[in-house]
Amino acid sequence: MGCCLVALVLAGAPRFAVLFYWLYRPVAVSHAFNSILVPIVGIIFLPWLTLMYLIVAPGGINGFDWALLGLGLFLDLGSYGGGGAAKNRRDR
């Protein structure tokens, strides 16, 4: 399971990785999130952060886990910002 999840993440497909994890381990996802709405919104808007949260949530969030969550947020915001910058360059 871990090998496939890593392969999907490295391929740049965090949404597929979260969905695969959700299908493979639905109990772990239900323990990480209290409702179904939060992971669905996370998959749509913040897929990297949602994936990082699924990775660190089972053991509780403390210490280095905050850095991983920050990395997930940074990757999400970077993808939004990078898309806007590329659009601005095309429009010139």
PDB file of N, CA and C in Angstrom:
ATOM      1  N   MET A   1       0.836  -1.183   0.000  1.00  0.00           N
ATOM      2  CA  MET A   1       0.000   0.000   0.000  1.00  0.00           C
ATOM      3  C   MET A   1       0.872   1.234   0.000  1.00  0.00           C
ATOM      4  N   GLY A   2       1.902   1.274   0.829  1.00  0.00           N
ATOM      5  CA  GLY A   2       2.747   2.451   0.949  1.00  0.00           C
ATOM      6  C   GLY A   2       3.471   2.770  -0.345  1.00  0.00           C
ATOM      7  N   CYS A   3       3.883   1.739  -1.076  1.00  0.00           N
ATOM      8  CA  CYS A   3       4.611   1.945  -2.323  1.00  0.00           C
ATOM      9  C   CYS A   3       3.731   2.630  -3.367  1.00  0.00           C
ATOM     10  N   CYS A   4       2.489   2.205  -3.480  1.00  0.00           N
ATOM     11  CA  CYS A   4       1.573   2.816  -4.445  1.00  0.00           C
ATOM     12  C   CYS A   4       1.261   4.249  -4.059  1.00  0.00           C
ATOM     13  N   LEU A   5       1.081   4.510  -2.782  1.00  0.00           N
ATOM     14  CA  LEU A   5       0.796   5.858  -2.320  1.00  0.00           C
ATOM     15  C   LEU A   5       1.972   6.782  -2.616  1.00  0.00           C
ATOM     16  N   VAL A   6       3.174   6.325  -2.371  1.00  0.00           N
ATOM     17  CA  VAL A   6       4.367   7.124  -2.658  1.00  0.00           C
ATOM     18  C   VAL A   6       4.484   7.367  -4.163  1.00  0.00           C
ATOM     19  N   ALA A   7       4.208   6.366  -4.965  1.00  0.00           N
ATOM     20  CA  ALA A   7       4.290   6.527  -6.420  1.00  0.00           C
ATOM     21  C   ALA A   7       3.290   7.565  -6.915  1.00  0.00           C
ATOM     22  N   LEU A   8       2.079   7.562  -6.367  1.00  0.00           N
ATOM     23  CA  LEU A   8       1.080   8.545  -6.777  1.00  0.00           C
ATOM     24  C   LEU A   8       1.478   9.952  -6.357  1.00  0.00           C
ATOM     25  N   VAL A   9       2.022  10.086  -5.169  1.00  0.00           N
ATOM     26  CA  VAL A   9       2.448  11.398  -4.691  1.00  0.00           C
ATOM     27  C   VAL A   9       3.591  11.924  -5.552  1.00  0.00           C
ATOM     28  N   LEU A  10       4.568  11.062  -5.838  1.00  0.00           N
ATOM     29  CA  LEU A  10       5.698  11.490  -6.649  1.00  0.00           C
ATOM     30  C   LEU A  10       5.276  11.833  -8.068  1.00  0.00           C
ATOM     31  N   ALA A  11       4.212  11.257  -8.529  1.00  0.00           N
ATOM     32  CA  ALA A  11       3.700  11.572  -9.856  1.00  0.00           C
ATOM     33  C   ALA A  11       2.962  12.902  -9.862  1.00  0.00           C
ATOM     34  N   GLY A  12       2.815  13.527  -8.711  1.00  0.00           N
ATOM     35  CA  GLY A  12       2.136  14.819  -8.653  1.00  0.00           C
ATOM     36  C   GLY A  12       0.629  14.698  -8.647  1.00  0.00           C
ATOM     37  N   ALA A  13       0.132  13.626  -8.106  1.00  0.00           N
ATOM     38  CA  ALA A  13      -1.297  13.393  -8.114  1.00  0.00           C
ATOM     39  C   ALA A  13      -1.822  13.251  -6.691  1.00  0.00           C
ATOM     40  N   PRO A  14      -1.809  14.314  -5.884  1.00  0.00           N
ATOM     41  CA  PRO A  14      -2.252  14.165  -4.501  1.00  0.00           C
ATOM     42  C   PRO A  14      -3.729  13.818  -4.378  1.00  0.00           C
ATOM     43  N   ARG A  15      -4.536  14.278  -5.316  1.00  0.00           N
ATOM     44  CA  ARG A  15      -5.968  13.942  -5.251  1.00  0.00           C
ATOM     45  C   ARG A  15      -6.181  12.442  -5.435  1.00  0.00           C
ATOM     46  N   PHE A  16      -5.468  11.853  -6.394  1.00  0.00           N
ATOM     47  CA  PHE A  16      -5.579  10.408  -6.597  1.00  0.00           C
ATOM     48  C   PHE A  16      -5.016   9.641  -5.408  1.00  0.00           C
ATOM     49  N   ALA A  17      -3.967  10.158  -4.813  1.00  0.00           N
ATOM     50  CA  ALA A  17      -3.375   9.500  -3.655  1.00  0.00           C
ATOM     51  C   ALA A  17      -4.360   9.495  -2.478  1.00  0.00           C
ATOM     52  N   VAL A  18      -5.039  10.627  -2.243  1.00  0.00           N
ATOM     53  CA  VAL A  18      -6.027  10.698  -1.157  1.00  0.00           C
ATOM     54  C   VAL A  18      -7.193   9.764  -1.452  1.00  0.00           C
ATOM     55  N   LEU A  19      -7.675   9.774  -2.683  1.00  0.00           N
ATOM     56  CA  LEU A  19      -8.797   8.891  -3.028  1.00  0.00           C
ATOM     57  C   LEU A  19      -8.407   7.420  -2.909  1.00  0.00           C
ATOM     58  N   PHE A  20      -7.186   7.086  -3.335  1.00  0.00           N
ATOM     59  CA  PHE A  20      -6.704   5.713  -3.207  1.00  0.00           C
ATOM     60  C   PHE A  20      -6.619   5.312  -1.740  1.00  0.00           C
ATOM     61  N   TYR A  21      -6.076   6.208  -0.917  1.00  0.00           N
ATOM     62  CA  TYR A  21      -5.965   5.953   0.522  1.00  0.00           C
ATOM     63  C   TYR A  21      -7.356   5.781   1.138  1.00  0.00           C
ATOM     64  N   TRP A  22      -8.294   6.616   0.699  1.00  0.00           N
ATOM     65  CA  TRP A  22      -9.663   6.558   1.206  1.00  0.00           C
ATOM     66  C   TRP A  22     -10.317   5.222   0.835  1.00  0.00           C
ATOM     67  N   LEU A  23     -10.083   4.746  -0.368  1.00  0.00           N
ATOM     68  CA  LEU A  23     -10.648   3.469  -0.782  1.00  0.00           C
ATOM     69  C   LEU A  23      -9.967   2.288  -0.090  1.00  0.00           C
ATOM     70  N   TYR A  24      -8.660   2.409   0.129  1.00  0.00           N
ATOM     71  CA  TYR A  24      -7.903   1.309   0.715  1.00  0.00           C
ATOM     72  C   TYR A  24      -8.065   1.227   2.230  1.00  0.00           C
ATOM     73  N   ARG A  25      -8.134   2.381   2.893  1.00  0.00           N
ATOM     74  CA  ARG A  25      -8.250   2.420   4.357  1.00  0.00           C
ATOM     75  C   ARG A  25      -9.340   3.407   4.790  1.00  0.00           C
ATOM     76  N   PRO A  26     -10.595   3.094   4.551  1.00  0.00           N
ATOM     77  CA  PRO A  26     -11.672   4.029   4.889  1.00  0.00           C
ATOM     78  C   PRO A  26     -11.800   4.289   6.394  1.00  0.00           C
ATOM     79  N   VAL A  27     -11.434   3.327   7.211  1.00  0.00           N
ATOM     80  CA  VAL A  27     -11.528   3.518   8.653  1.00  0.00           C
ATOM     81  C   VAL A  27     -10.519   4.568   9.124  1.00  0.00           C
ATOM     82  N   ALA A  28      -9.321   4.550   8.557  1.00  0.00           N
ATOM     83  CA  ALA A  28      -8.301   5.544   8.930  1.00  0.00           C
ATOM     84  C   ALA A  28      -8.748   6.946   8.551  1.00  0.00           C
ATOM     85  N   VAL A  29      -9.392   7.087   7.411  1.00  0.00           N
ATOM     86  CA  VAL A  29      -9.876   8.406   6.983  1.00  0.00           C
ATOM     87  C   VAL A  29     -11.027   8.849   7.876  1.00  0.00           C
ATOM     88  N   SER A  30     -11.903   7.937   8.245  1.00  0.00           N
ATOM     89  CA  SER A  30     -13.021   8.308   9.113  1.00  0.00           C
ATOM     90  C   SER A  30     -12.537   8.693  10.512  1.00  0.00           C
ATOM     91  N   HIS A  31     -11.421   8.126  10.966  1.00  0.00           N
ATOM     92  CA  HIS A  31     -10.856   8.515  12.256  1.00  0.00           C
ATOM     93  C   HIS A  31     -10.153   9.867  12.176  1.00  0.00           C
ATOM     94  N   ALA A  32      -9.591  10.183  11.020  1.00  0.00           N
ATOM     95  CA  ALA A  32      -8.876  11.454  10.859  1.00  0.00           C
ATOM     96  C   ALA A  32      -9.850  12.626  10.737  1.00  0.00           C
ATOM     97  N   PHE A  33     -10.981  12.411  10.103  1.00  0.00           N
ATOM     98  CA  PHE A  33     -11.959  13.479   9.889  1.00  0.00           C
ATOM     99  C   PHE A  33     -13.286  13.101  10.536  1.00  0.00           C
ATOM    100  N   ASN A  34     -13.956  14.084  11.115  1.00  0.00           N
ATOM    101  CA  ASN A  34     -15.230  13.824  11.792  1.00  0.00           C
ATOM    102  C   ASN A  34     -16.406  13.762  10.837  1.00  0.00           C
ATOM    103  N   SER A  35     -16.325  14.450   9.713  1.00  0.00           N
ATOM    104  CA  SER A  35     -17.417  14.420   8.749  1.00  0.00           C
ATOM    105  C   SER A  35     -16.849  14.137   7.365  1.00  0.00           C
ATOM    106  N   ILE A  36     -17.716  13.824   6.443  1.00  0.00           N
ATOM    107  CA  ILE A  36     -17.275  13.529   5.083  1.00  0.00           C
ATOM    108  C   ILE A  36     -17.032  14.816   4.295  1.00  0.00           C
ATOM    109  N   LEU A  37     -17.600  15.915   4.740  1.00  0.00           N
ATOM    110  CA  LEU A  37     -17.473  17.185   4.027  1.00  0.00           C
ATOM    111  C   LEU A  37     -16.039  17.718   4.042  1.00  0.00           C
ATOM    112  N   VAL A  38     -15.343  17.598   5.156  1.00  0.00           N
ATOM    113  CA  VAL A  38     -13.989  18.143   5.283  1.00  0.00           C
ATOM    114  C   VAL A  38     -13.014  17.480   4.310  1.00  0.00           C
ATOM    115  N   PRO A  39     -12.946  16.141   4.216  1.00  0.00           N
ATOM    116  CA  PRO A  39     -12.002  15.577   3.245  1.00  0.00           C
ATOM    117  C   PRO A  39     -12.379  15.863   1.793  1.00  0.00           C
ATOM    118  N   ILE A  40     -13.671  15.966   1.496  1.00  0.00           N
ATOM    119  CA  ILE A  40     -14.078  16.276   0.125  1.00  0.00           C
ATOM    120  C   ILE A  40     -13.645  17.691  -0.247  1.00  0.00           C
ATOM    121  N   VAL A  41     -13.877  18.646   0.637  1.00  0.00           N
ATOM    122  CA  VAL A  41     -13.425  20.019   0.392  1.00  0.00           C
ATOM    123  C   VAL A  41     -11.902  20.068   0.335  1.00  0.00           C
ATOM    124  N   GLY A  42     -11.240  19.292   1.176  1.00  0.00           N
ATOM    125  CA  GLY A  42      -9.790  19.231   1.160  1.00  0.00           C
ATOM    126  C   GLY A  42      -9.243  18.681  -0.143  1.00  0.00           C
ATOM    127  N   ILE A  43      -9.879  17.652  -0.678  1.00  0.00           N
ATOM    128  CA  ILE A  43      -9.441  17.085  -1.950  1.00  0.00           C
ATOM    129  C   ILE A  43      -9.591  18.107  -3.079  1.00  0.00           C
ATOM    130  N   ILE A  44     -10.645  18.885  -3.028  1.00  0.00           N
ATOM    131  CA  ILE A  44     -10.896  19.855  -4.095  1.00  0.00           C
ATOM    132  C   ILE A  44      -9.943  21.045  -4.008  1.00  0.00           C
ATOM    133  N   PHE A  45      -9.793  21.642  -2.826  1.00  0.00           N
ATOM    134  CA  PHE A  45      -9.067  22.905  -2.708  1.00  0.00           C
ATOM    135  C   PHE A  45      -7.641  22.775  -2.169  1.00  0.00           C
ATOM    136  N   LEU A  46      -7.388  21.863  -1.253  1.00  0.00           N
ATOM    137  CA  LEU A  46      -6.066  21.722  -0.632  1.00  0.00           C
ATOM    138  C   LEU A  46      -5.644  20.250  -0.603  1.00  0.00           C
ATOM    139  N   PRO A  47      -5.391  19.665  -1.771  1.00  0.00           N
ATOM    140  CA  PRO A  47      -5.111  18.217  -1.801  1.00  0.00           C
ATOM    141  C   PRO A  47      -3.817  17.827  -1.093  1.00  0.00           C
ATOM    142  N   TRP A  48      -2.753  18.628  -1.209  1.00  0.00           N
ATOM    143  CA  TRP A  48      -1.494  18.279  -0.542  1.00  0.00           C
ATOM    144  C   TRP A  48      -1.641  18.336   0.973  1.00  0.00           C
ATOM    145  N   LEU A  49      -2.317  19.360   1.467  1.00  0.00           N
ATOM    146  CA  LEU A  49      -2.524  19.481   2.908  1.00  0.00           C
ATOM    147  C   LEU A  49      -3.385  18.331   3.425  1.00  0.00           C
ATOM    148  N   THR A  50      -4.405  17.954   2.681  1.00  0.00           N
ATOM    149  CA  THR A  50      -5.259  16.835   3.071  1.00  0.00           C
ATOM    150  C   THR A  50      -4.457  15.537   3.122  1.00  0.00           C
ATOM    151  N   LEU A  51      -3.601  15.332   2.135  1.00  0.00           N
ATOM    152  CA  LEU A  51      -2.774  14.127   2.116  1.00  0.00           C
ATOM    153  C   LEU A  51      -1.801  14.102   3.293  1.00  0.00           C
ATOM    154  N   MET A  52      -1.165  15.224   3.552  1.00  0.00           N
ATOM    155  CA  MET A  52      -0.239  15.292   4.699  1.00  0.00           C
ATOM    156  C   MET A  52      -0.982  15.058   6.009  1.00  0.00           C
ATOM    157  N   TYR A  53      -2.176  15.601   6.126  1.00  0.00           N
ATOM    158  CA  TYR A  53      -2.957  15.402   7.346  1.00  0.00           C
ATOM    159  C   TYR A  53      -3.295  13.921   7.534  1.00  0.00           C
ATOM    160  N   LEU A  54      -3.661  13.244   6.452  1.00  0.00           N
ATOM    161  CA  LEU A  54      -3.952  11.815   6.553  1.00  0.00           C
ATOM    162  C   LEU A  54      -2.725  11.023   6.983  1.00  0.00           C
ATOM    163  N   ILE A  55      -1.551  11.480   6.578  1.00  0.00           N
ATOM    164  CA  ILE A  55      -0.323  10.780   6.944  1.00  0.00           C
ATOM    165  C   ILE A  55       0.009  10.971   8.421  1.00  0.00           C
ATOM    166  N   VAL A  56      -0.167  12.198   8.952  1.00  0.00           N
ATOM    167  CA  VAL A  56       0.267  12.477  10.322  1.00  0.00           C
ATOM    168  C   VAL A  56      -0.838  12.343  11.368  1.00  0.00           C
ATOM    169  N   ALA A  57      -2.099  12.352  10.978  1.00  0.00           N
ATOM    170  CA  ALA A  57      -3.198  12.366  11.945  1.00  0.00           C
ATOM    171  C   ALA A  57      -3.299  11.127  12.830  1.00  0.00           C
ATOM    172  N   PRO A  58      -3.022   9.916  12.341  1.00  0.00           N
ATOM    173  CA  PRO A  58      -3.224   8.750  13.214  1.00  0.00           C
ATOM    174  C   PRO A  58      -2.429   8.779  14.516  1.00  0.00           C
ATOM    175  N   GLY A  59      -1.238   9.322  14.526  1.00  0.00           N
ATOM    176  CA  GLY A  59      -0.435   9.357  15.734  1.00  0.00           C
ATOM    177  C   GLY A  59      -0.592  10.644  16.531  1.00  0.00           C
ATOM    178  N   GLY A  60      -1.466  11.524  16.096  1.00  0.00           N
ATOM    179  CA  GLY A  60      -1.594  12.828  16.733  1.00  0.00           C
ATOM    180  C   GLY A  60      -0.594  13.805  16.113  1.00  0.00           C
ATOM    181  N   ILE A  61      -0.920  15.065  16.154  1.00  0.00           N
ATOM    182  CA  ILE A  61      -0.073  16.075  15.527  1.00  0.00           C
ATOM    183  C   ILE A  61       0.766  16.752  16.598  1.00  0.00           C
ATOM    184  N   ASN A  62       2.077  16.552  16.511  1.00  0.00           N
ATOM    185  CA  ASN A  62       2.998  17.210  17.432  1.00  0.00           C
ATOM    186  C   ASN A  62       4.390  17.222  16.815  1.00  0.00           C
ATOM    187  N   GLY A  63       5.171  18.196  17.179  1.00  0.00           N
ATOM    188  CA  GLY A  63       6.555  18.280  16.729  1.00  0.00           C
ATOM    189  C   GLY A  63       6.701  18.487  15.235  1.00  0.00           C
ATOM    190  N   PHE A  64       7.427  17.575  14.594  1.00  0.00           N
ATOM    191  CA  PHE A  64       7.750  17.675  13.175  1.00  0.00           C
ATOM    192  C   PHE A  64       6.512  17.574  12.284  1.00  0.00           C
ATOM    193  N   ASP A  65       5.428  17.028  12.819  1.00  0.00           N
ATOM    194  CA  ASP A  65       4.189  16.906  12.030  1.00  0.00           C
ATOM    195  C   ASP A  65       3.697  18.265  11.554  1.00  0.00           C
ATOM    196  N   TRP A  66       3.901  19.296  12.361  1.00  0.00           N
ATOM    197  CA  TRP A  66       3.486  20.642  11.956  1.00  0.00           C
ATOM    198  C   TRP A  66       4.270  21.102  10.735  1.00  0.00           C
ATOM    199  N   ALA A  67       5.537  20.709  10.645  1.00  0.00           N
ATOM    200  CA  ALA A  67       6.348  21.065   9.473  1.00  0.00           C
ATOM    201  C   ALA A  67       5.810  20.365   8.225  1.00  0.00           C
ATOM    202  N   LEU A  68       5.382  19.109   8.366  1.00  0.00           N
ATOM    203  CA  LEU A  68       4.808  18.397   7.228  1.00  0.00           C
ATOM    204  C   LEU A  68       3.498  19.033   6.776  1.00  0.00           C
ATOM    205  N   LEU A  69       2.674  19.451   7.730  1.00  0.00           N
ATOM    206  CA  LEU A  69       1.439  20.141   7.374  1.00  0.00           C
ATOM    207  C   LEU A  69       1.733  21.479   6.701  1.00  0.00           C
ATOM    208  N   GLY A  70       2.752  22.180   7.189  1.00  0.00           N
ATOM    209  CA  GLY A  70       3.166  23.431   6.559  1.00  0.00           C
ATOM    210  C   GLY A  70       3.664  23.202   5.143  1.00  0.00           C
ATOM    211  N   LEU A  71       4.391  22.110   4.928  1.00  0.00           N
ATOM    212  CA  LEU A  71       4.863  21.772   3.590  1.00  0.00           C
ATOM    213  C   LEU A  71       3.679  21.505   2.661  1.00  0.00           C
ATOM    214  N   GLY A  72       2.683  20.789   3.145  1.00  0.00           N
ATOM    215  CA  GLY A  72       1.485  20.530   2.339  1.00  0.00           C
ATOM    216  C   GLY A  72       0.773  21.813   1.959  1.00  0.00           C
ATOM    217  N   LEU A  73       0.630  22.723   2.918  1.00  0.00           N
ATOM    218  CA  LEU A  73      -0.003  24.012   2.633  1.00  0.00           C
ATOM    219  C   LEU A  73       0.835  24.814   1.643  1.00  0.00           C
ATOM    220  N   PHE A  74       2.159  24.794   1.820  1.00  0.00           N
ATOM    221  CA  PHE A  74       3.066  25.501   0.915  1.00  0.00           C
ATOM    222  C   PHE A  74       2.944  24.957  -0.512  1.00  0.00           C
ATOM    223  N   LEU A  75       2.865  23.644  -0.670  1.00  0.00           N
ATOM    224  CA  LEU A  75       2.719  23.049  -1.994  1.00  0.00           C
ATOM    225  C   LEU A  75       1.389  23.438  -2.639  1.00  0.00           C
ATOM    226  N   ASP A  76       0.318  23.469  -1.848  1.00  0.00           N
ATOM    227  CA  ASP A  76      -0.981  23.874  -2.386  1.00  0.00           C
ATOM    228  C   ASP A  76      -0.975  25.334  -2.817  1.00  0.00           C
ATOM    229  N   LEU A  77      -0.491  26.206  -1.947  1.00  0.00           N
ATOM    230  CA  LEU A  77      -0.466  27.628  -2.285  1.00  0.00           C
ATOM    231  C   LEU A  77       0.485  27.890  -3.442  1.00  0.00           C
ATOM    232  N   GLY A  78       1.592  27.151  -3.504  1.00  0.00           N
ATOM    233  CA  GLY A  78       2.530  27.295  -4.606  1.00  0.00           C
ATOM    234  C   GLY A  78       1.929  26.880  -5.933  1.00  0.00           C
ATOM    235  N   SER A  79       1.110  25.850  -5.917  1.00  0.00           N
ATOM    236  CA  SER A  79       0.481  25.429  -7.172  1.00  0.00           C
ATOM    237  C   SER A  79      -0.528  26.465  -7.654  1.00  0.00           C
ATOM    238  N   TYR A  80      -1.245  27.082  -6.726  1.00  0.00           N
ATOM    239  CA  TYR A  80      -2.168  28.151  -7.125  1.00  0.00           C
ATOM    240  C   TYR A  80      -1.401  29.370  -7.619  1.00  0.00           C
ATOM    241  N   GLY A  81      -0.361  29.755  -6.916  1.00  0.00           N
ATOM    242  CA  GLY A  81       0.434  30.918  -7.313  1.00  0.00           C
ATOM    243  C   GLY A  81       1.186  30.685  -8.606  1.00  0.00           C
ATOM    244  N   GLY A  82       1.704  29.486  -8.795  1.00  0.00           N
ATOM    245  CA  GLY A  82       2.425  29.166 -10.020  1.00  0.00           C
ATOM    246  C   GLY A  82       1.529  29.193 -11.237  1.00  0.00           C
ATOM    247  N   GLY A  83       0.295  28.761 -11.067  1.00  0.00           N
ATOM    248  CA  GLY A  83      -0.662  28.811 -12.179  1.00  0.00           C
ATOM    249  C   GLY A  83      -1.001  30.238 -12.560  1.00  0.00           C
ATOM    250  N   GLY A  84      -1.129  31.105 -11.556  1.00  0.00           N
ATOM    251  CA  GLY A  84      -1.418  32.514 -11.839  1.00  0.00           C
ATOM    252  C   GLY A  84      -0.255  33.210 -12.512  1.00  0.00           C
ATOM    253  N   ALA A  85       0.960  32.892 -12.089  1.00  0.00           N
ATOM    254  CA  ALA A  85       2.148  33.502 -12.697  1.00  0.00           C
ATOM    255  C   ALA A  85       2.297  33.053 -14.147  1.00  0.00           C
ATOM    256  N   ALA A  86       2.043  31.780 -14.422  1.00  0.00           N
ATOM    257  CA  ALA A  86       2.132  31.286 -15.797  1.00  0.00           C
ATOM    258  C   ALA A  86       1.081  31.947 -16.679  1.00  0.00           C
ATOM    259  N   LYS A  87      -0.111  32.163 -16.137  1.00  0.00           N
ATOM    260  CA  LYS A  87      -1.161  32.836 -16.910  1.00  0.00           C
ATOM    261  C   LYS A  87      -0.755  34.272 -17.233  1.00  0.00           C
ATOM    262  N   ASN A  88      -0.160  34.969 -16.261  1.00  0.00           N
ATOM    263  CA  ASN A  88       0.275  36.343 -16.505  1.00  0.00           C
ATOM    264  C   ASN A  88       1.346  36.409 -17.581  1.00  0.00           C
ATOM    265  N   ARG A  89       2.246  35.452 -17.611  1.00  0.00           N
ATOM    266  CA  ARG A  89       3.292  35.441 -18.642  1.00  0.00           C
ATOM    267  C   ARG A  89       2.700  35.173 -20.018  1.00  0.00           C
ATOM    268  N   ARG A  90       1.686  34.330 -20.104  1.00  0.00           N
ATOM    269  CA  ARG A  90       1.050  34.035 -21.391  1.00  0.00           C
ATOM    270  C   ARG A  90       0.278  35.244 -21.915  1.00  0.00           C
ATOM    271  N   ASP A  91      -0.304  36.016 -21.010  1.00  0.00           N
ATOM    272  CA  ASP A  91      -1.146  37.145 -21.412  1.00  0.00           C
ATOM    273  C   ASP A  91      -0.348  38.324 -21.935  1.00  0.00           C
ATOM    274  N   ARG A  92       0.941  38.357 -21.710  1.00  0.00           N
ATOM    275  CA  ARG A  92       1.746  39.503 -22.156  1.00  0.00           C
ATOM    276  C   ARG A  92       1.967  39.505 -23.628  1.00  0.00           C
TER     277      ARG A  92
END
